[in-house]
Amino acid sequence: NKGDRIDVDQPVVEVATDKVDSEIPSPVEGTVLKLVHHEGEIPK
Protein backbone atom coordinates (compact mmCIF):
# COMPACT_ATOMS: atom_id res chain seq x y z
CA ASN A 1 0.00 0.00 0.00
CA LYS A 2 0.97 3.64 -0.30
CA GLY A 3 3.36 4.47 2.54
CA ASP A 4 4.64 0.90 2.98
CA ARG A 5 8.38 0.34 3.38
CA ILE A 6 9.61 -2.29 0.89
CA ASP A 7 12.82 -4.25 0.37
CA VAL A 8 14.72 -5.31 -2.75
CA ASP A 9 13.13 -8.39 -4.36
CA GLN A 10 9.95 -8.07 -2.27
CA PRO A 11 6.88 -8.95 -4.41
CA VAL A 12 4.78 -5.79 -4.76
CA VAL A 13 2.07 -6.63 -7.31
CA GLU A 14 0.41 -9.60 -9.00
CA VAL A 15 -0.35 -9.26 -12.72
CA ALA A 16 -2.04 -11.54 -15.23
CA THR A 17 -1.73 -11.93 -18.99
CA ASP A 18 -3.42 -14.36 -21.34
CA LYS A 19 -0.33 -16.58 -21.01
CA VAL A 20 1.00 -16.21 -17.45
CA ASP A 21 0.24 -14.88 -13.96
CA SER A 22 3.23 -13.30 -12.22
CA GLU A 23 4.39 -11.47 -9.12
CA ILE A 24 6.58 -8.46 -9.84
CA PRO A 25 9.33 -7.78 -7.26
CA SER A 26 10.75 -4.41 -6.36
CA PRO A 27 14.26 -3.83 -7.76
CA VAL A 28 14.93 -1.23 -5.04
CA GLU A 29 14.21 -0.63 -1.38
CA GLY A 30 12.26 2.38 -0.26
CA THR A 31 8.79 3.67 0.53
CA VAL A 32 5.78 3.33 -1.77
CA LEU A 33 4.80 6.85 -2.88
CA LYS A 34 2.11 6.02 -5.42
CA LEU A 35 0.30 3.06 -6.94
CA VAL A 36 -0.30 4.34 -10.46
CA HIS A 37 -2.81 1.70 -11.60
CA HIS A 38 -5.77 0.29 -9.69
CA GLU A 39 -6.57 -3.41 -9.49
CA GLY A 40 -8.33 -4.44 -12.70
CA GLU A 41 -6.56 -1.84 -14.84
CA ILE A 42 -4.42 -2.91 -17.80
CA PRO A 43 -1.09 -1.08 -18.15
CA LYS A 44 1.14 -1.67 -21.16
All heavy atoms as atom14 arrays in JSON, in Angstrom:
{
  "sequence": "NKGDRIDVDQPVVEVATDKVDSEIPSPVEGTVLKLVHHEGEIPK",
  "atom14_mask": [
    [1, 1, 1, 1, 1, 1, 1, 1, 0, 0, 0, 0, 0, 0],
    [1, 1, 1, 1, 1, 1, 1, 1, 1, 0, 0, 0, 0, 0],
    [1, 1, 1, 1, 0, 0, 0, 0, 0, 0, 0, 0, 0, 0],
    [1, 1, 1, 1, 1, 1, 1, 1, 0, 0, 0, 0, 0, 0],
    [1, 1, 1, 1, 1, 1, 1, 1, 1, 1, 1, 0, 0, 0],
    [1, 1, 1, 1, 1, 1, 1, 1, 0, 0, 0, 0, 0, 0],
    [1, 1, 1, 1, 1, 1, 1, 1, 0, 0, 0, 0, 0, 0],
    [1, 1, 1, 1, 1, 1, 1, 0, 0, 0, 0, 0, 0, 0],
    [1, 1, 1, 1, 1, 1, 1, 1, 0, 0, 0, 0, 0, 0],
    [1, 1, 1, 1, 1, 1, 1, 1, 1, 0, 0, 0, 0, 0],
    [1, 1, 1, 1, 1, 1, 1, 0, 0, 0, 0, 0, 0, 0],
    [1, 1, 1, 1, 1, 1, 1, 0, 0, 0, 0, 0, 0, 0],
    [1, 1, 1, 1, 1, 1, 1, 0, 0, 0, 0, 0, 0, 0],
    [1, 1, 1, 1, 1, 1, 1, 1, 1, 0, 0, 0, 0, 0],
    [1, 1, 1, 1, 1, 1, 1, 0, 0, 0, 0, 0, 0, 0],
    [1, 1, 1, 1, 1, 0, 0, 0, 0, 0, 0, 0, 0, 0],
    [1, 1, 1, 1, 1, 1, 1, 0, 0, 0, 0, 0, 0, 0],
    [1, 1, 1, 1, 1, 1, 1, 1, 0, 0, 0, 0, 0, 0],
    [1, 1, 1, 1, 1, 1, 1, 1, 1, 0, 0, 0, 0, 0],
    [1, 1, 1, 1, 1, 1, 1, 0, 0, 0, 0, 0, 0, 0],
    [1, 1, 1, 1, 1, 1, 1, 1, 0, 0, 0, 0, 0, 0],
    [1, 1, 1, 1, 1, 1, 0, 0, 0, 0, 0, 0, 0, 0],
    [1, 1, 1, 1, 1, 1, 1, 1, 1, 0, 0, 0, 0, 0],
    [1, 1, 1, 1, 1, 1, 1, 1, 0, 0, 0, 0, 0, 0],
    [1, 1, 1, 1, 1, 1, 1, 0, 0, 0, 0, 0, 0, 0],
    [1, 1, 1, 1, 1, 1, 0, 0, 0, 0, 0, 0, 0, 0],
    [1, 1, 1, 1, 1, 1, 1, 0, 0, 0, 0, 0, 0, 0],
    [1, 1, 1, 1, 1, 1, 1, 0, 0, 0, 0, 0, 0, 0],
    [1, 1, 1, 1, 1, 1, 1, 1, 1, 0, 0, 0, 0, 0],
    [1, 1, 1, 1, 0, 0, 0, 0, 0, 0, 0, 0, 0, 0],
    [1, 1, 1, 1, 1, 1, 1, 0, 0, 0, 0, 0, 0, 0],
    [1, 1, 1, 1, 1, 1, 1, 0, 0, 0, 0, 0, 0, 0],
    [1, 1, 1, 1, 1, 1, 1, 1, 0, 0, 0, 0, 0, 0],
    [1, 1, 1, 1, 1, 1, 1, 1, 1, 0, 0, 0, 0, 0],
    [1, 1, 1, 1, 1, 1, 1, 1, 0, 0, 0, 0, 0, 0],
    [1, 1, 1, 1, 1, 1, 1, 0, 0, 0, 0, 0, 0, 0],
    [1, 1, 1, 1, 1, 1, 1, 1, 1, 1, 0, 0, 0, 0],
    [1, 1, 1, 1, 1, 1, 1, 1, 1, 1, 0, 0, 0, 0],
    [1, 1, 1, 1, 1, 1, 1, 1, 1, 0, 0, 0, 0, 0],
    [1, 1, 1, 1, 0, 0, 0, 0, 0, 0, 0, 0, 0, 0],
    [1, 1, 1, 1, 1, 1, 1, 1, 1, 0, 0, 0, 0, 0],
    [1, 1, 1, 1, 1, 1, 1, 1, 0, 0, 0, 0, 0, 0],
    [1, 1, 1, 1, 1, 1, 1, 0, 0, 0, 0, 0, 0, 0],
    [1, 1, 1, 1, 1, 1, 1, 1, 1, 0, 0, 0, 0, 0]
  ],
  "atom14_positions": [
    [[0.85, -1.2, 0.0], [0.0, 0.0, 0.0], [0.87, 1.24, 0.0], [2.05, 1.19, 0.37], [-0.89, 0.02, 1.25], [-1.87, -1.11, 1.27], [-2.71, -1.23, 0.4], [-1.76, -1.98, 2.29], [0.0, 0.0, 0.0], [0.0, 0.0, 0.0], [0.0, 0.0, 0.0], [0.0, 0.0, 0.0], [0.0, 0.0, 0.0], [0.0, 0.0, 0.0]],
    [[0.28, 2.36, -0.37], [0.97, 3.64, -0.3], [1.48, 3.84, 1.12], [0.75, 3.6, 2.08], [0.03, 4.77, -0.71], [0.67, 6.13, -0.71], [-0.31, 7.18, -1.14], [0.33, 8.55, -1.03], [-0.63, 9.61, -1.34], [0.0, 0.0, 0.0], [0.0, 0.0, 0.0], [0.0, 0.0, 0.0], [0.0, 0.0, 0.0], [0.0, 0.0, 0.0]],
    [[2.75, 4.23, 1.23], [3.36, 4.47, 2.54], [4.11, 3.28, 3.1], [4.86, 3.43, 4.06], [0.0, 0.0, 0.0], [0.0, 0.0, 0.0], [0.0, 0.0, 0.0], [0.0, 0.0, 0.0], [0.0, 0.0, 0.0], [0.0, 0.0, 0.0], [0.0, 0.0, 0.0], [0.0, 0.0, 0.0], [0.0, 0.0, 0.0], [0.0, 0.0, 0.0]],
    [[3.93, 2.09, 2.5], [4.64, 0.9, 2.98], [6.13, 0.99, 2.68], [6.53, 1.48, 1.62], [4.1, -0.37, 2.32], [2.75, -0.81, 2.84], [2.23, -0.18, 3.79], [2.21, -1.8, 2.3], [0.0, 0.0, 0.0], [0.0, 0.0, 0.0], [0.0, 0.0, 0.0], [0.0, 0.0, 0.0], [0.0, 0.0, 0.0], [0.0, 0.0, 0.0]],
    [[6.93, 0.48, 3.59], [8.38, 0.34, 3.38], [8.59, -1.01, 2.7], [8.04, -2.02, 3.14], [9.08, 0.4, 4.74], [10.56, 0.31, 4.65], [11.19, 1.7, 4.6], [12.63, 1.52, 4.49], [13.35, 2.1, 3.56], [12.81, 2.92, 2.71], [14.64, 1.88, 3.49], [0.0, 0.0, 0.0], [0.0, 0.0, 0.0], [0.0, 0.0, 0.0]],
    [[9.37, -1.04, 1.62], [9.61, -2.29, 0.89], [11.1, -2.54, 0.73], [11.91, -1.62, 0.78], [8.9, -2.28, -0.49], [9.35, -1.09, -1.33], [7.4, -2.32, -0.34], [8.81, -1.1, -2.75], [0.0, 0.0, 0.0], [0.0, 0.0, 0.0], [0.0, 0.0, 0.0], [0.0, 0.0, 0.0], [0.0, 0.0, 0.0], [0.0, 0.0, 0.0]],
    [[11.43, -3.82, 0.54], [12.82, -4.25, 0.37], [13.07, -4.69, -1.07], [12.12, -4.98, -1.82], [13.12, -5.43, 1.3], [13.06, -5.05, 2.76], [13.56, -3.97, 3.12], [12.49, -5.84, 3.55], [0.0, 0.0, 0.0], [0.0, 0.0, 0.0], [0.0, 0.0, 0.0], [0.0, 0.0, 0.0], [0.0, 0.0, 0.0], [0.0, 0.0, 0.0]],
    [[14.33, -4.78, -1.44], [14.72, -5.31, -2.75], [14.19, -6.73, -2.87], [14.26, -7.52, -1.91], [16.26, -5.29, -2.9], [16.68, -5.98, -4.19], [16.78, -3.86, -2.87], [0.0, 0.0, 0.0], [0.0, 0.0, 0.0], [0.0, 0.0, 0.0], [0.0, 0.0, 0.0], [0.0, 0.0, 0.0], [0.0, 0.0, 0.0], [0.0, 0.0, 0.0]],
    [[13.66, -7.07, -4.02], [13.13, -8.39, -4.36], [11.83, -8.74, -3.65], [11.33, -9.87, -3.77], [14.16, -9.51, -4.12], [15.32, -9.42, -5.09], [15.12, -8.93, -6.22], [16.43, -9.83, -4.74], [0.0, 0.0, 0.0], [0.0, 0.0, 0.0], [0.0, 0.0, 0.0], [0.0, 0.0, 0.0], [0.0, 0.0, 0.0], [0.0, 0.0, 0.0]],
    [[11.24, -7.81, -2.9], [9.95, -8.07, -2.27], [8.85, -8.01, -3.34], [8.77, -7.04, -4.08], [9.67, -7.02, -1.2], [8.31, -7.15, -0.55], [8.07, -6.09, 0.51], [9.01, -5.5, 1.05], [6.82, -5.84, 0.8], [0.0, 0.0, 0.0], [0.0, 0.0, 0.0], [0.0, 0.0, 0.0], [0.0, 0.0, 0.0], [0.0, 0.0, 0.0]],
    [[7.99, -9.02, -3.45], [6.88, -8.95, -4.41], [5.96, -7.79, -4.04], [5.59, -7.63, -2.87], [6.17, -10.29, -4.23], [7.17, -11.19, -3.62], [8.03, -10.31, -2.75], [0.0, 0.0, 0.0], [0.0, 0.0, 0.0], [0.0, 0.0, 0.0], [0.0, 0.0, 0.0], [0.0, 0.0, 0.0], [0.0, 0.0, 0.0], [0.0, 0.0, 0.0]],
    [[5.61, -6.97, -5.04], [4.78, -5.79, -4.76], [3.43, -5.83, -5.47], [2.49, -5.16, -5.05], [5.53, -4.48, -5.11], [6.71, -4.28, -4.16], [5.98, -4.44, -6.55], [0.0, 0.0, 0.0], [0.0, 0.0, 0.0], [0.0, 0.0, 0.0], [0.0, 0.0, 0.0], [0.0, 0.0, 0.0], [0.0, 0.0, 0.0], [0.0, 0.0, 0.0]],
    [[3.33, -6.6, -6.56], [2.07, -6.63, -7.31], [1.95, -7.96, -8.05], [2.94, -8.54, -8.48], [1.98, -5.44, -8.3], [3.04, -5.51, -9.37], [0.59, -5.31, -8.91], [0.0, 0.0, 0.0], [0.0, 0.0, 0.0], [0.0, 0.0, 0.0], [0.0, 0.0, 0.0], [0.0, 0.0, 0.0], [0.0, 0.0, 0.0], [0.0, 0.0, 0.0]],
    [[0.71, -8.43, -8.17], [0.41, -9.6, -9.0], [-0.24, -9.1, -10.28], [-1.12, -8.24, -10.24], [-0.54, -10.55, -8.28], [0.05, -11.21, -7.08], [-0.94, -12.09, -6.33], [-2.15, -12.1, -6.67], [-0.5, -12.78, -5.4], [0.0, 0.0, 0.0], [0.0, 0.0, 0.0], [0.0, 0.0, 0.0], [0.0, 0.0, 0.0], [0.0, 0.0, 0.0]],
    [[0.22, -9.62, -11.42], [-0.35, -9.26, -12.72], [-0.69, -10.53, -13.49], [-0.13, -11.59, -13.24], [0.62, -8.38, -13.55], [0.87, -7.05, -12.86], [1.92, -9.11, -13.83], [0.0, 0.0, 0.0], [0.0, 0.0, 0.0], [0.0, 0.0, 0.0], [0.0, 0.0, 0.0], [0.0, 0.0, 0.0], [0.0, 0.0, 0.0], [0.0, 0.0, 0.0]],
    [[-1.62, -10.39, -14.43], [-2.04, -11.54, -15.23], [-2.07, -11.15, -16.71], [-2.46, -10.04, -17.06], [-3.42, -12.0, -14.81], [0.0, 0.0, 0.0], [0.0, 0.0, 0.0], [0.0, 0.0, 0.0], [0.0, 0.0, 0.0], [0.0, 0.0, 0.0], [0.0, 0.0, 0.0], [0.0, 0.0, 0.0], [0.0, 0.0, 0.0], [0.0, 0.0, 0.0]],
    [[-1.61, -12.08, -17.54], [-1.73, -11.93, -18.99], [-2.51, -13.13, -19.49], [-2.86, -14.02, -18.72], [-0.35, -11.89, -19.68], [0.23, -13.2, -19.59], [0.58, -10.87, -19.04], [0.0, 0.0, 0.0], [0.0, 0.0, 0.0], [0.0, 0.0, 0.0], [0.0, 0.0, 0.0], [0.0, 0.0, 0.0], [0.0, 0.0, 0.0], [0.0, 0.0, 0.0]],
    [[-2.73, -13.19, -20.8], [-3.42, -14.36, -21.34], [-2.55, -15.61, -21.29], [-3.04, -16.72, -21.45], [-3.92, -14.09, -22.76], [-2.8, -13.68, -23.71], [-1.7, -13.34, -23.24], [-3.03, -13.69, -24.93], [0.0, 0.0, 0.0], [0.0, 0.0, 0.0], [0.0, 0.0, 0.0], [0.0, 0.0, 0.0], [0.0, 0.0, 0.0], [0.0, 0.0, 0.0]],
    [[-1.24, -15.43, -21.02], [-0.33, -16.58, -21.01], [0.2, -16.93, -19.62], [0.52, -18.09, -19.37], [0.87, -16.3, -21.93], [0.49, -16.16, -23.38], [1.69, -15.89, -24.24], [1.26, -15.69, -25.69], [2.38, -15.45, -26.56], [0.0, 0.0, 0.0], [0.0, 0.0, 0.0], [0.0, 0.0, 0.0], [0.0, 0.0, 0.0], [0.0, 0.0, 0.0]],
    [[0.34, -15.96, -18.73], [1.0, -16.21, -17.45], [0.51, -15.24, -16.37], [0.16, -14.1, -16.66], [2.54, -16.11, -17.6], [2.98, -14.7, -17.91], [3.26, -16.63, -16.39], [0.0, 0.0, 0.0], [0.0, 0.0, 0.0], [0.0, 0.0, 0.0], [0.0, 0.0, 0.0], [0.0, 0.0, 0.0], [0.0, 0.0, 0.0], [0.0, 0.0, 0.0]],
    [[0.46, -15.73, -15.12], [0.24, -14.88, -13.96], [1.59, -14.74, -13.25], [2.3, -15.73, -13.1], [-0.78, -15.49, -13.01], [-2.18, -15.55, -13.62], [-2.4, -14.95, -14.68], [-3.05, -16.21, -13.02], [0.0, 0.0, 0.0], [0.0, 0.0, 0.0], [0.0, 0.0, 0.0], [0.0, 0.0, 0.0], [0.0, 0.0, 0.0], [0.0, 0.0, 0.0]],
    [[1.91, -13.53, -12.81], [3.23, -13.3, -12.22], [3.16, -12.34, -11.04], [2.27, -11.5, -10.97], [4.17, -12.67, -13.25], [4.32, -13.46, -14.37], [0.0, 0.0, 0.0], [0.0, 0.0, 0.0], [0.0, 0.0, 0.0], [0.0, 0.0, 0.0], [0.0, 0.0, 0.0], [0.0, 0.0, 0.0], [0.0, 0.0, 0.0], [0.0, 0.0, 0.0]],
    [[4.15, -12.47, -10.15], [4.39, -11.47, -9.12], [5.58, -10.64, -9.58], [6.57, -11.2, -10.05], [4.73, -12.12, -7.78], [3.57, -12.75, -7.08], [3.95, -13.28, -5.7], [5.16, -13.44, -5.41], [3.03, -13.55, -4.93], [0.0, 0.0, 0.0], [0.0, 0.0, 0.0], [0.0, 0.0, 0.0], [0.0, 0.0, 0.0], [0.0, 0.0, 0.0]],
    [[5.47, -9.34, -9.46], [6.58, -8.46, -9.84], [7.27, -7.99, -8.56], [6.61, -7.42, -7.68], [6.08, -7.26, -10.66], [5.45, -7.76, -11.95], [7.23, -6.28, -10.94], [4.8, -6.68, -12.77], [0.0, 0.0, 0.0], [0.0, 0.0, 0.0], [0.0, 0.0, 0.0], [0.0, 0.0, 0.0], [0.0, 0.0, 0.0], [0.0, 0.0, 0.0]],
    [[8.59, -8.23, -8.45], [9.33, -7.78, -7.26], [9.86, -6.36, -7.44], [10.04, -5.88, -8.57], [10.49, -8.77, -7.19], [10.75, -9.12, -8.62], [9.39, -9.09, -9.3], [0.0, 0.0, 0.0], [0.0, 0.0, 0.0], [0.0, 0.0, 0.0], [0.0, 0.0, 0.0], [0.0, 0.0, 0.0], [0.0, 0.0, 0.0], [0.0, 0.0, 0.0]],
    [[10.14, -5.73, -6.32], [10.75, -4.41, -6.36], [12.25, -4.55, -6.6], [12.91, -5.32, -5.91], [10.52, -3.68, -5.04], [11.23, -2.45, -5.05], [0.0, 0.0, 0.0], [0.0, 0.0, 0.0], [0.0, 0.0, 0.0], [0.0, 0.0, 0.0], [0.0, 0.0, 0.0], [0.0, 0.0, 0.0], [0.0, 0.0, 0.0], [0.0, 0.0, 0.0]],
    [[12.81, -3.79, -7.54], [14.26, -3.83, -7.76], [15.03, -2.94, -6.78], [16.26, -2.96, -6.76], [14.41, -3.33, -9.19], [13.23, -2.45, -9.4], [12.12, -3.02, -8.56], [0.0, 0.0, 0.0], [0.0, 0.0, 0.0], [0.0, 0.0, 0.0], [0.0, 0.0, 0.0], [0.0, 0.0, 0.0], [0.0, 0.0, 0.0], [0.0, 0.0, 0.0]],
    [[14.3, -2.16, -5.98], [14.93, -1.23, -5.04], [14.21, -1.29, -3.7], [13.09, -1.76, -3.61], [14.9, 0.23, -5.55], [15.69, 0.37, -6.84], [13.48, 0.72, -5.73], [0.0, 0.0, 0.0], [0.0, 0.0, 0.0], [0.0, 0.0, 0.0], [0.0, 0.0, 0.0], [0.0, 0.0, 0.0], [0.0, 0.0, 0.0], [0.0, 0.0, 0.0]],
    [[14.89, -0.78, -2.66], [14.21, -0.63, -1.38], [13.77, 0.81, -1.25], [14.33, 1.71, -1.87], [15.11, -1.04, -0.22], [16.27, -0.13, 0.04], [17.06, -0.54, 1.27], [17.41, -1.72, 1.37], [17.32, 0.34, 2.11], [0.0, 0.0, 0.0], [0.0, 0.0, 0.0], [0.0, 0.0, 0.0], [0.0, 0.0, 0.0], [0.0, 0.0, 0.0]],
    [[12.74, 1.03, -0.46], [12.26, 2.38, -0.26], [10.85, 2.38, 0.29], [10.38, 1.39, 0.85], [0.0, 0.0, 0.0], [0.0, 0.0, 0.0], [0.0, 0.0, 0.0], [0.0, 0.0, 0.0], [0.0, 0.0, 0.0], [0.0, 0.0, 0.0], [0.0, 0.0, 0.0], [0.0, 0.0, 0.0], [0.0, 0.0, 0.0], [0.0, 0.0, 0.0]],
    [[10.16, 3.5, 0.07], [8.79, 3.67, 0.53], [7.88, 3.87, -0.68], [8.22, 4.63, -1.59], [8.69, 4.91, 1.46], [9.59, 4.71, 2.56], [7.28, 5.08, 1.99], [0.0, 0.0, 0.0], [0.0, 0.0, 0.0], [0.0, 0.0, 0.0], [0.0, 0.0, 0.0], [0.0, 0.0, 0.0], [0.0, 0.0, 0.0], [0.0, 0.0, 0.0]],
    [[6.74, 3.2, -0.67], [5.78, 3.33, -1.77], [5.16, 4.72, -1.73], [4.51, 5.09, -0.75], [4.68, 2.25, -1.68], [3.67, 2.43, -2.8], [5.29, 0.85, -1.72], [0.0, 0.0, 0.0], [0.0, 0.0, 0.0], [0.0, 0.0, 0.0], [0.0, 0.0, 0.0], [0.0, 0.0, 0.0], [0.0, 0.0, 0.0], [0.0, 0.0, 0.0]],
    [[5.38, 5.51, -2.78], [4.8, 6.85, -2.88], [3.45, 6.83, -3.58], [2.55, 7.57, -3.2], [5.72, 7.79, -3.66], [6.94, 8.34, -2.96], [7.65, 9.34, -3.85], [6.56, 9.01, -1.66], [0.0, 0.0, 0.0], [0.0, 0.0, 0.0], [0.0, 0.0, 0.0], [0.0, 0.0, 0.0], [0.0, 0.0, 0.0], [0.0, 0.0, 0.0]],
    [[3.34, 5.99, -4.62], [2.11, 6.02, -5.42], [1.92, 4.69, -6.14], [2.87, 4.15, -6.7], [2.19, 7.15, -6.45], [0.95, 7.32, -7.28], [1.08, 8.51, -8.22], [-0.2, 8.69, -9.01], [-0.12, 9.79, -9.94], [0.0, 0.0, 0.0], [0.0, 0.0, 0.0], [0.0, 0.0, 0.0], [0.0, 0.0, 0.0], [0.0, 0.0, 0.0]],
    [[0.69, 4.19, -6.1], [0.3, 3.06, -6.94], [-0.42, 3.68, -8.13], [-1.5, 4.25, -7.98], [-0.63, 2.11, -6.17], [-0.07, 1.57, -4.85], [-1.12, 0.71, -4.15], [1.21, 0.8, -5.07], [0.0, 0.0, 0.0], [0.0, 0.0, 0.0], [0.0, 0.0, 0.0], [0.0, 0.0, 0.0], [0.0, 0.0, 0.0], [0.0, 0.0, 0.0]],
    [[0.19, 3.61, -9.29], [-0.3, 4.34, -10.46], [-1.57, 3.72, -11.04], [-2.47, 4.42, -11.48], [0.81, 4.45, -11.53], [0.3, 5.13, -12.78], [2.02, 5.19, -10.96], [0.0, 0.0, 0.0], [0.0, 0.0, 0.0], [0.0, 0.0, 0.0], [0.0, 0.0, 0.0], [0.0, 0.0, 0.0], [0.0, 0.0, 0.0], [0.0, 0.0, 0.0]],
    [[-1.65, 2.4, -11.02], [-2.81, 1.7, -11.6], [-3.59, 0.98, -10.5], [-3.01, 0.42, -9.58], [-2.36, 0.69, -12.66], [-1.83, 1.33, -13.89], [-2.63, 1.8, -14.89], [-0.56, 1.63, -14.26], [-1.89, 2.34, -15.84], [-0.61, 2.26, -15.47], [0.0, 0.0, 0.0], [0.0, 0.0, 0.0], [0.0, 0.0, 0.0], [0.0, 0.0, 0.0]],
    [[-4.9, 0.99, -10.63], [-5.77, 0.29, -9.69], [-5.9, -1.17, -10.11], [-5.66, -1.52, -11.27], [-7.17, 0.92, -9.66], [-7.17, 2.34, -9.2], [-6.99, 2.69, -7.88], [-7.33, 3.49, -9.88], [-7.04, 4.0, -7.77], [-7.23, 4.52, -8.97], [0.0, 0.0, 0.0], [0.0, 0.0, 0.0], [0.0, 0.0, 0.0], [0.0, 0.0, 0.0]],
    [[-6.3, -2.02, -9.17], [-6.57, -3.41, -9.49], [-7.64, -3.47, -10.58], [-8.61, -2.72, -10.55], [-7.02, -4.17, -8.24], [-5.88, -4.31, -7.24], [-6.28, -5.0, -5.95], [-7.45, -5.42, -5.81], [-5.41, -5.12, -5.07], [0.0, 0.0, 0.0], [0.0, 0.0, 0.0], [0.0, 0.0, 0.0], [0.0, 0.0, 0.0], [0.0, 0.0, 0.0]],
    [[-7.41, -4.32, -11.56], [-8.33, -4.44, -12.7], [-7.92, -3.62, -13.9], [-8.4, -3.86, -15.0], [0.0, 0.0, 0.0], [0.0, 0.0, 0.0], [0.0, 0.0, 0.0], [0.0, 0.0, 0.0], [0.0, 0.0, 0.0], [0.0, 0.0, 0.0], [0.0, 0.0, 0.0], [0.0, 0.0, 0.0], [0.0, 0.0, 0.0], [0.0, 0.0, 0.0]],
    [[-7.04, -2.65, -13.71], [-6.56, -1.84, -14.84], [-5.51, -2.61, -15.63], [-4.89, -3.55, -15.12], [-6.02, -0.5, -14.36], [-7.11, 0.41, -13.83], [-6.61, 1.79, -13.45], [-5.41, 1.97, -13.21], [-7.46, 2.68, -13.39], [0.0, 0.0, 0.0], [0.0, 0.0, 0.0], [0.0, 0.0, 0.0], [0.0, 0.0, 0.0], [0.0, 0.0, 0.0]],
    [[-5.3, -2.17, -16.88], [-4.42, -2.91, -17.8], [-3.33, -1.99, -18.36], [-3.48, -1.4, -19.42], [-5.25, -3.52, -18.95], [-6.38, -4.37, -18.38], [-4.36, -4.33, -19.88], [-7.37, -4.87, -19.4], [0.0, 0.0, 0.0], [0.0, 0.0, 0.0], [0.0, 0.0, 0.0], [0.0, 0.0, 0.0], [0.0, 0.0, 0.0], [0.0, 0.0, 0.0]],
    [[-2.21, -1.87, -17.62], [-1.09, -1.08, -18.15], [-0.35, -1.84, -19.26], [-0.39, -3.07, -19.32], [-0.19, -0.88, -16.94], [-0.49, -2.04, -16.05], [-1.94, -2.38, -16.29], [0.0, 0.0, 0.0], [0.0, 0.0, 0.0], [0.0, 0.0, 0.0], [0.0, 0.0, 0.0], [0.0, 0.0, 0.0], [0.0, 0.0, 0.0], [0.0, 0.0, 0.0]],
    [[0.32, -1.09, -20.1], [1.14, -1.67, -21.16], [2.57, -1.9, -20.64], [3.01, -1.23, -19.71], [1.16, -0.75, -22.37], [-0.21, -0.57, -22.99], [-0.11, -0.03, -24.39], [-1.46, 0.16, -25.04], [-2.36, -0.96, -24.98], [0.0, 0.0, 0.0], [0.0, 0.0, 0.0], [0.0, 0.0, 0.0], [0.0, 0.0, 0.0], [0.0, 0.0, 0.0]]
  ]
}
